[in-house]
Structure formats: C-alpha cells, structure tokens
PDB file of N, CA and C in Angstrom:
ATOM      1  N   MET A   1      84.658 101.997  82.930  1.00  0.00           N
ATOM      2  CA  MET A   1      85.447 102.706  82.693  1.00  0.00           C
ATOM      3  C   MET A   1      84.766 103.968  82.663  1.00  0.00           C
ATOM      4  N   LYS A   2      85.263 105.061  83.428  1.00  0.00           N
ATOM      5  CA  LYS A   2      84.136 106.373  83.521  1.00  0.00           C
ATOM      6  C   LYS A   2      84.157 107.241  82.188  1.00  0.00           C
ATOM      7  N   LYS A   3      83.184 107.950  82.417  1.00  0.00           N
ATOM      8  CA  LYS A   3      82.512 108.380  80.577  1.00  0.00           C
ATOM      9  C   LYS A   3      84.060 109.462  80.175  1.00  0.00           C
ATOM     10  N   GLU A   4      84.831 110.376  81.232  1.00  0.00           N
ATOM     11  CA  GLU A   4      85.787 110.762  81.238  1.00  0.00           C
ATOM     12  C   GLU A   4      86.884 110.346  80.136  1.00  0.00           C
ATOM     13  N   LYS A   5      86.922 109.204  80.917  1.00  0.00           N
ATOM     14  CA  LYS A   5      88.128 108.409  81.119  1.00  0.00           C
ATOM     15  C   LYS A   5      88.023 107.395  79.139  1.00  0.00           C
ATOM     16  N   ARG A   6      86.583 107.320  79.589  1.00  0.00           N
ATOM     17  CA  ARG A   6      86.007 107.011  77.778  1.00  0.00           C
ATOM     18  C   ARG A   6      87.091 107.501  76.787  1.00  0.00           C
ATOM     19  N   GLN A   7      86.138 109.473  77.242  1.00  0.00           N
ATOM     20  CA  GLN A   7      86.332 110.118  75.735  1.00  0.00           C
ATOM     21  C   GLN A   7      87.932 110.190  75.951  1.00  0.00           C
ATOM     22  N   LYS A   8      88.841 110.646  77.436  1.00  0.00           N
ATOM     23  CA  LYS A   8      90.429 110.474  76.502  1.00  0.00           C
ATOM     24  C   LYS A   8      90.584 109.544  75.640  1.00  0.00           C
ATOM     25  N   MET A   9      90.256 108.297  75.703  1.00  0.00           N
ATOM     26  CA  MET A   9      90.940 107.382  75.463  1.00  0.00           C
ATOM     27  C   MET A   9      90.675 107.402  73.635  1.00  0.00           C
ATOM     28  N   CYS A  10      89.156 107.631  73.254  1.00  0.00           N
ATOM     29  CA  CYS A  10      88.612 108.393  72.254  1.00  0.00           C
ATOM     30  C   CYS A  10      89.268 109.165  71.762  1.00  0.00           C
ATOM     31  N   LEU A  11      89.637 110.159  72.405  1.00  0.00           N
ATOM     32  CA  LEU A  11      90.742 111.141  71.501  1.00  0.00           C
ATOM     33  C   LEU A  11      91.942 110.308  71.149  1.00  0.00           C
ATOM     34  N   GLU A  12      92.703 109.886  71.616  1.00  0.00           N
ATOM     35  CA  GLU A  12      93.912 109.476  71.756  1.00  0.00           C
ATOM     36  C   GLU A  12      93.756 108.260  70.594  1.00  0.00           C
ATOM     37  N   ILE A  13      92.901 107.499  71.032  1.00  0.00           N
ATOM     38  CA  ILE A  13      92.686 106.640  69.328  1.00  0.00           C
ATOM     39  C   ILE A  13      92.258 107.446  67.929  1.00  0.00           C
ATOM     40  N   ILE A  14      91.573 108.600  68.171  1.00  0.00           N
ATOM     41  CA  ILE A  14      91.403 109.510  66.757  1.00  0.00           C
ATOM     42  C   ILE A  14      92.197 109.871  66.466  1.00  0.00           C
ATOM     43  N   ASP A  15      93.476 110.362  67.648  1.00  0.00           N
ATOM     44  CA  ASP A  15      94.907 111.397  67.482  1.00  0.00           C
ATOM     45  C   ASP A  15      95.844 110.245  66.682  1.00  0.00           C
ATOM     46  N   GLN A  16      95.875 108.963  67.103  1.00  0.00           N
ATOM     47  CA  GLN A  16      96.487 107.899  66.551  1.00  0.00           C
ATOM     48  C   GLN A  16      96.232 108.048  64.941  1.00  0.00           C
ATOM     49  N   PHE A  17      95.086 108.226  64.507  1.00  0.00           N
ATOM     50  CA  PHE A  17      94.006 107.604  63.276  1.00  0.00           C
ATOM     51  C   PHE A  17      94.875 108.939  62.251  1.00  0.00           C
ATOM     52  N   GLU A  18      94.756 109.766  63.073  1.00  0.00           N
ATOM     53  CA  GLU A  18      94.755 111.326  62.189  1.00  0.00           C
ATOM     54  C   GLU A  18      96.830 111.198  61.808  1.00  0.00           C
ATOM     55  N   GLN A  19      97.549 110.774  62.283  1.00  0.00           N
ATOM     56  CA  GLN A  19      98.792 110.892  62.761  1.00  0.00           C
ATOM     57  C   GLN A  19      99.096 109.708  61.818  1.00  0.00           C
ATOM     58  N   LEU A  20      98.771 108.470  61.339  1.00  0.00           N
ATOM     59  CA  LEU A  20      98.884 107.760  60.446  1.00  0.00           C
ATOM     60  C   LEU A  20      98.752 108.446  59.078  1.00  0.00           C
ATOM     61  N   LEU A  21      97.398 109.025  59.006  1.00  0.00           N
ATOM     62  CA  LEU A  21      97.109 109.881  57.900  1.00  0.00           C
ATOM     63  C   LEU A  21      97.543 110.844  57.638  1.00  0.00           C
ATOM     64  N   GLU A  22      98.283 111.809  58.681  1.00  0.00           N
ATOM     65  CA  GLU A  22      99.230 112.791  58.163  1.00  0.00           C
ATOM     66  C   GLU A  22     100.476 111.796  57.389  1.00  0.00           C
ATOM     67  N   GLU A  23     100.818 110.514  58.253  1.00  0.00           N
ATOM     68  CA  GLU A  23     102.003 110.359  57.457  1.00  0.00           C
ATOM     69  C   GLU A  23     102.061 109.566  56.309  1.00  0.00           C
ATOM     70  N   LYS A  24     101.066 109.076  56.040  1.00  0.00           N
ATOM     71  CA  LYS A  24     100.614 108.808  54.678  1.00  0.00           C
ATOM     72  C   LYS A  24      99.722 110.130  53.398  1.00  0.00           C
ATOM     73  N   ASP A  25      99.790 111.010  53.799  1.00  0.00           N
ATOM     74  CA  ASP A  25      99.772 112.369  52.504  1.00  0.00           C
ATOM     75  C   ASP A  25      98.054 112.250  52.688  1.00  0.00           C
ATOM     76  N   ILE A  26      97.396 111.440  53.686  1.00  0.00           N
ATOM     77  CA  ILE A  26      95.780 111.371  53.011  1.00  0.00           C
ATOM     78  C   ILE A  26      95.143 112.151  53.778  1.00  0.00           C
ATOM     79  N   SER A  27      93.451 112.797  53.353  1.00  0.00           N
ATOM     80  CA  SER A  27      92.463 113.181  53.801  1.00  0.00           C
ATOM     81  C   SER A  27      91.515 112.644  53.643  1.00  0.00           C
ATOM     82  N   ILE A  28      90.831 112.448  54.688  1.00  0.00           N
ATOM     83  CA  ILE A  28      89.353 111.917  54.265  1.00  0.00           C
ATOM     84  C   ILE A  28      88.829 113.489  53.906  1.00  0.00           C
ATOM     85  N   PRO A  29      87.888 113.358  52.680  1.00  0.00           N
ATOM     86  CA  PRO A  29      87.063 114.014  52.188  1.00  0.00           C
ATOM     87  C   PRO A  29      85.908 114.032  52.980  1.00  0.00           C
ATOM     88  N   CYS A  30      85.029 115.910  53.333  1.00  0.00           N
ATOM     89  CA  CYS A  30      83.724 115.610  53.698  1.00  0.00           C
ATOM     90  C   CYS A  30      82.889 115.727  52.582  1.00  0.00           C
ATOM     91  N   GLU A  31      81.861 114.676  53.147  1.00  0.00           N
ATOM     92  CA  GLU A  31      81.024 114.202  52.497  1.00  0.00           C
ATOM     93  C   GLU A  31      79.903 115.918  51.660  1.00  0.00           C
ATOM     94  N   ASP A  32      79.831 116.753  52.673  1.00  0.00           N
ATOM     95  CA  ASP A  32      79.659 117.933  52.734  1.00  0.00           C
ATOM     96  C   ASP A  32      80.184 118.600  52.303  1.00  0.00           C
ATOM     97  N   SER A  33      79.737 119.805  50.895  1.00  0.00           N
ATOM     98  CA  SER A  33      81.036 120.640  50.521  1.00  0.00           C
ATOM     99  C   SER A  33      81.181 121.716  51.021  1.00  0.00           C
ATOM    100  N   ALA A  34      80.145 122.161  51.722  1.00  0.00           N
ATOM    101  CA  ALA A  34      80.521 123.395  52.912  1.00  0.00           C
ATOM    102  C   ALA A  34      81.699 123.102  53.993  1.00  0.00           C
ATOM    103  N   GLU A  35      81.235 121.584  54.408  1.00  0.00           N
ATOM    104  CA  GLU A  35      82.226 121.298  55.275  1.00  0.00           C
ATOM    105  C   GLU A  35      83.737 121.194  55.027  1.00  0.00           C
ATOM    106  N   GLU A  36      83.543 120.718  53.663  1.00  0.00           N
ATOM    107  CA  GLU A  36      85.000 120.482  53.078  1.00  0.00           C
ATOM    108  C   GLU A  36      85.965 121.635  53.076  1.00  0.00           C
ATOM    109  N   LYS A  37      84.869 122.973  52.252  1.00  0.00           N
ATOM    110  CA  LYS A  37      85.508 124.392  52.486  1.00  0.00           C
ATOM    111  C   LYS A  37      86.003 125.110  53.520  1.00  0.00           C
ATOM    112  N   GLU A  38      85.116 124.659  54.397  1.00  0.00           N
ATOM    113  CA  GLU A  38      84.905 125.081  55.919  1.00  0.00           C
ATOM    114  C   GLU A  38      87.042 124.665  56.541  1.00  0.00           C
ATOM    115  N   ARG A  39      87.032 123.470  56.636  1.00  0.00           N
ATOM    116  CA  ARG A  39      87.946 122.662  56.616  1.00  0.00           C
ATOM    117  C   ARG A  39      89.245 123.077  56.313  1.00  0.00           C
ATOM    118  N   HIS A  40      88.987 123.693  55.240  1.00  0.00           N
ATOM    119  CA  HIS A  40      90.199 124.615  54.515  1.00  0.00           C
ATOM    120  C   HIS A  40      90.662 125.674  55.007  1.00  0.00           C
ATOM    121  N   ASP A  41      89.824 126.584  55.611  1.00  0.00           N
ATOM    122  CA  ASP A  41      89.397 128.048  56.033  1.00  0.00           C
ATOM    123  C   ASP A  41      90.833 128.504  57.212  1.00  0.00           C
ATOM    124  N   GLY A  42      91.506 129.185  56.866  1.00  0.00           N
ATOM    125  CA  GLY A  42      92.228 129.540  58.007  1.00  0.00           C
ATOM    126  C   GLY A  42      93.478 128.309  58.336  1.00  0.00           C
ATOM    127  N   GLY A  43      93.800 127.895  57.525  1.00  0.00           N
ATOM    128  CA  GLY A  43      94.910 126.528  57.637  1.00  0.00           C
ATOM    129  C   GLY A  43      94.577 125.349  58.280  1.00  0.00           C
ATOM    130  N   ASN A  44      93.645 125.296  58.571  1.00  0.00           N
ATOM    131  CA  ASN A  44      93.010 124.339  59.154  1.00  0.00           C
ATOM    132  C   ASN A  44      93.988 123.156  58.095  1.00  0.00           C
ATOM    133  N   ASN A  45      94.445 122.043  59.275  1.00  0.00           N
ATOM    134  CA  ASN A  45      95.318 120.565  58.250  1.00  0.00           C
ATOM    135  C   ASN A  45      94.458 119.292  59.082  1.00  0.00           C
ATOM    136  N   ALA A  46      93.357 119.592  59.287  1.00  0.00           N
ATOM    137  CA  ALA A  46      92.731 117.958  60.015  1.00  0.00           C
ATOM    138  C   ALA A  46      92.589 116.984  58.771  1.00  0.00           C
ATOM    139  N   ARG A  47      92.847 115.892  59.161  1.00  0.00           N
ATOM    140  CA  ARG A  47      93.047 114.576  58.294  1.00  0.00           C
ATOM    141  C   ARG A  47      91.883 114.388  58.190  1.00  0.00           C
ATOM    142  N   ILE A  48      91.288 114.677  58.738  1.00  0.00           N
ATOM    143  CA  ILE A  48      89.526 113.919  58.960  1.00  0.00           C
ATOM    144  C   ILE A  48      88.731 114.891  59.515  1.00  0.00           C
ATOM    145  N   TYR A  49      87.464 116.001  59.209  1.00  0.00           N
ATOM    146  CA  TYR A  49      86.779 116.701  59.370  1.00  0.00           C
ATOM    147  C   TYR A  49      85.442 116.589  59.779  1.00  0.00           C
ATOM    148  N   GLY A  50      84.726 117.606  60.118  1.00  0.00           N
ATOM    149  CA  GLY A  50      83.261 117.086  60.018  1.00  0.00           C
ATOM    150  C   GLY A  50      82.598 116.433  60.605  1.00  0.00           C
ATOM    151  N   ALA A  51      81.158 115.961  59.761  1.00  0.00           N
ATOM    152  CA  ALA A  51      80.239 114.929  59.947  1.00  0.00           C
ATOM    153  C   ALA A  51      81.767 113.123  59.673  1.00  0.00           C
ATOM    154  N   GLU A  52      82.427 113.234  59.074  1.00  0.00           N
ATOM    155  CA  GLU A  52      82.903 111.907  59.116  1.00  0.00           C
ATOM    156  C   GLU A  52      83.806 112.146  60.659  1.00  0.00           C
ATOM    157  N   TYR A  53      84.511 112.957  61.016  1.00  0.00           N
ATOM    158  CA  TYR A  53      85.133 113.034  62.193  1.00  0.00           C
ATOM    159  C   TYR A  53      84.392 112.958  63.764  1.00  0.00           C
ATOM    160  N   TRP A  54      82.974 113.330  63.718  1.00  0.00           N
ATOM    161  CA  TRP A  54      81.755 113.222  64.405  1.00  0.00           C
ATOM    162  C   TRP A  54      81.758 111.597  64.598  1.00  0.00           C
ATOM    163  N   ARG A  55      81.407 111.108  63.045  1.00  0.00           N
ATOM    164  CA  ARG A  55      81.171 109.635  62.915  1.00  0.00           C
ATOM    165  C   ARG A  55      82.024 108.627  63.547  1.00  0.00           C
ATOM    166  N   LEU A  56      83.022 108.446  63.206  1.00  0.00           N
ATOM    167  CA  LEU A  56      84.537 108.413  63.762  1.00  0.00           C
ATOM    168  C   LEU A  56      84.143 107.898  65.546  1.00  0.00           C
ATOM    169  N   GLU A  57      84.069 109.059  65.828  1.00  0.00           N
ATOM    170  CA  GLU A  57      84.263 109.658  67.489  1.00  0.00           C
ATOM    171  C   GLU A  57      83.141 108.842  67.761  1.00  0.00           C
ATOM    172  N   ASP A  58      81.760 108.497  67.465  1.00  0.00           N
ATOM    173  CA  ASP A  58      80.850 108.379  67.696  1.00  0.00           C
ATOM    174  C   ASP A  58      80.598 106.624  67.817  1.00  0.00           C
ATOM    175  N   GLY A  59      81.653 105.692  66.942  1.00  0.00           N
ATOM    176  CA  GLY A  59      81.901 104.880  66.357  1.00  0.00           C
ATOM    177  C   GLY A  59      83.148 103.981  67.537  1.00  0.00           C
ATOM    178  N   ILE A  60      84.047 105.113  67.810  1.00  0.00           N
ATOM    179  CA  ILE A  60      85.419 104.205  68.486  1.00  0.00           C
ATOM    180  C   ILE A  60      84.168 104.775  70.076  1.00  0.00           C
ATOM    181  N   HIS A  61      83.111 105.605  70.646  1.00  0.00           N
ATOM    182  CA  HIS A  61      82.628 105.357  71.814  1.00  0.00           C
ATOM    183  C   HIS A  61      81.979 104.026  72.127  1.00  0.00           C
ATOM    184  N   LYS A  62      81.097 103.908  70.905  1.00  0.00           N
ATOM    185  CA  LYS A  62      80.281 102.923  70.829  1.00  0.00           C
ATOM    186  C   LYS A  62      81.246 101.683  71.060  1.00  0.00           C
ATOM    187  N   ILE A  63      81.972 101.481  70.982  1.00  0.00           N
ATOM    188  CA  ILE A  63      83.020 100.077  70.886  1.00  0.00           C
ATOM    189  C   ILE A  63      83.305 100.238  72.320  1.00  0.00           C
ATOM    190  N   LEU A  64      83.605 101.766  72.836  1.00  0.00           N
ATOM    191  CA  LEU A  64      84.286 101.480  74.262  1.00  0.00           C
ATOM    192  C   LEU A  64      83.344 100.986  75.082  1.00  0.00           C
ATOM    193  N   GLU A  65      82.109 101.542  75.206  1.00  0.00           N
ATOM    194  CA  GLU A  65      80.873 101.513  76.078  1.00  0.00           C
ATOM    195  C   GLU A  65      80.924  99.980  75.814  1.00  0.00           C
ATOM    196  N   GLN A  66      80.330  99.397  75.027  1.00  0.00           N
ATOM    197  CA  GLN A  66      80.038  98.094  74.780  1.00  0.00           C
ATOM    198  C   GLN A  66      80.923  97.297  75.625  1.00  0.00           C
ATOM    199  N   GLU A  67      82.355  97.401  75.316  1.00  0.00           N
ATOM    200  CA  GLU A  67      84.021  96.921  76.099  1.00  0.00           C
ATOM    201  C   GLU A  67      83.197  96.914  77.477  1.00  0.00           C
ATOM    202  N   ASP A  68      82.943  97.772  77.956  1.00  0.00           N
ATOM    203  CA  ASP A  68      82.852  98.195  79.307  1.00  0.00           C
ATOM    204  C   ASP A  68      81.312  97.590  79.957  1.00  0.00           C
ATOM    205  N   SER A  69      80.252  97.761  78.886  1.00  0.00           N
ATOM    206  CA  SER A  69      79.151  96.951  79.408  1.00  0.00           C
ATOM    207  C   SER A  69      79.242  95.638  79.845  1.00  0.00           C
ATOM    208  N   ASP A  70      80.302  94.942  78.699  1.00  0.00           N
ATOM    209  CA  ASP A  70      80.500  93.516  78.670  1.00  0.00           C
ATOM    210  C   ASP A  70      81.466  92.758  79.742  1.00  0.00           C
ATOM    211  N   ASN A  71      82.485  94.205  80.335  1.00  0.00           N
ATOM    212  CA  ASN A  71      82.614  93.458  81.138  1.00  0.00           C
ATOM    213  C   ASN A  71      82.459  93.923  82.586  1.00  0.00           C
ATOM    214  N   THR A  72      81.305  94.248  82.744  1.00  0.00           N
ATOM    215  CA  THR A  72      80.664  94.437  84.228  1.00  0.00           C
ATOM    216  C   THR A  72      79.603  93.063  84.272  1.00  0.00           C
ATOM    217  N   LYS A  73      79.469  92.279  83.179  1.00  0.00           N
ATOM    218  CA  LYS A  73      78.970  90.915  83.129  1.00  0.00           C
ATOM    219  C   LYS A  73      79.465  89.940  84.036  1.00  0.00           C
TER     220      LYS A  73
END
C-alpha cells in the first residue's frame, strides 16, 4: 500500500474512533495540561487531541506498515 493510501486509511480510522467518542460523549483527556487548555480554545471539540492523537495515529501507521510488510513476504 502506498504511503498516501496508508495516511488516508489512518485518518479514516481515527475519524471513526472520533465519531464513536462523540456518540458516547467521551473525550480522552490530554496528559499535558497546556494541551488540554489549548484544546478548548476557539471552540475546538476534538475528542482526542495533542500527544494522545499523535500516539494513536503513530500506532495505526505502524499496524498498517506491518500489514504491508507481512503481505509482501
């Protein structure tokens, strides 16, 4: 799978996760208090934000890359 397709798929997975959190009225709190404050500035309603978002995105990318690697063997 090309890098661009992996990125798109990753964002689609995160979007599905965000929608579920929205439906359940759950927000994943930021461990960093400055990020948590920044998160709510300007009416941002992201359910997952900052380092937690990037950690999730990185984890999904690693899974997709591993899947690609396994499929090429």
